[in-house]
Protein backbone atom coordinates (compact mmCIF):
# COMPACT_ATOMS: atom_id res chain seq x y z
CA MET A 1 0.00 0.00 0.00
CA LEU A 2 2.79 2.43 0.92
CA ARG A 3 4.61 1.65 -2.32
CA ALA A 4 1.50 2.48 -4.33
CA ILE A 5 1.19 5.83 -2.55
CA LYS A 6 4.84 6.65 -3.28
CA LEU A 7 4.39 5.74 -6.95
CA MET A 8 1.27 7.89 -7.19
CA TYR A 9 3.08 10.80 -5.52
CA ALA A 10 6.01 10.49 -7.95
CA PHE A 11 3.57 10.34 -10.87
CA LEU A 12 1.76 13.47 -9.73
CA ARG A 13 5.05 15.34 -9.25
CA ARG A 14 6.14 14.39 -12.78
CA LEU A 15 2.75 15.29 -14.24
CA SER A 16 2.67 18.71 -12.56
CA GLY A 17 6.33 19.52 -13.27
CA ASP A 18 7.17 19.74 -9.58
CA ASP A 19 10.19 17.46 -10.03
CA LEU A 20 11.82 19.51 -12.82
CA TYR A 21 14.55 20.86 -10.55
CA ASP A 22 15.34 17.39 -9.21
CA LEU A 23 15.70 16.13 -12.80
CA TYR A 24 17.89 19.13 -13.61
CA VAL A 25 20.22 18.32 -10.69
CA LEU A 26 20.46 14.65 -11.73
CA ASN A 27 21.26 15.68 -15.29
CA HIS A 28 23.84 18.17 -14.04
CA LYS A 29 25.63 15.42 -12.10
CA GLN A 30 25.79 13.23 -15.23
CA CYS A 31 26.79 16.01 -17.61
CA LEU A 32 30.36 16.00 -18.88
CA LYS A 33 30.44 19.77 -19.37
CA LYS A 34 30.43 21.13 -15.84
CA HIS A 35 28.74 24.47 -15.49
CA LYS A 36 27.56 26.27 -12.41
CA LEU A 37 24.47 24.68 -10.88
CA MET A 38 21.54 27.09 -10.78
CA SER A 39 19.71 27.64 -7.54
CA LYS A 40 16.14 26.42 -7.34
CA LYS A 41 14.84 30.00 -7.52
CA ASN A 42 16.94 30.84 -10.60
CA PHE A 43 15.96 27.56 -12.28
CA TYR A 44 12.25 28.19 -11.91
CA GLN A 45 12.66 31.81 -13.02
CA ALA A 46 14.51 30.66 -16.16
CA THR A 47 11.80 28.06 -16.80
CA LEU A 48 9.06 30.69 -16.53
CA ASP A 49 10.97 33.12 -18.73
CA LYS A 50 11.41 30.46 -21.40
CA LYS A 51 7.77 29.44 -21.20
CA TRP A 52 6.30 32.93 -21.46
CA SER A 53 8.75 34.67 -23.79
CA GLY A 54 7.85 35.26 -27.40
CA ILE A 55 4.57 35.21 -29.24
CA LYS A 56 2.24 32.40 -28.19
CA ARG A 57 -0.64 32.80 -30.63
CA CYS A 58 -1.58 31.34 -33.94
CA CYS A 59 -2.44 34.48 -35.93
């Protein structure tokens, strides 16, 4: 039962994007080109800037 709850929690985090920073840190550890690790605040700000920059309409 506890395992099912943990799996559901992990699924919901992935679905909502809540685990994006955790995935970023894992990728950073595996990356061969070492660059400075962004803080959580800077990471989410960069994510929002990327998402909302530019024109987002069809016409």
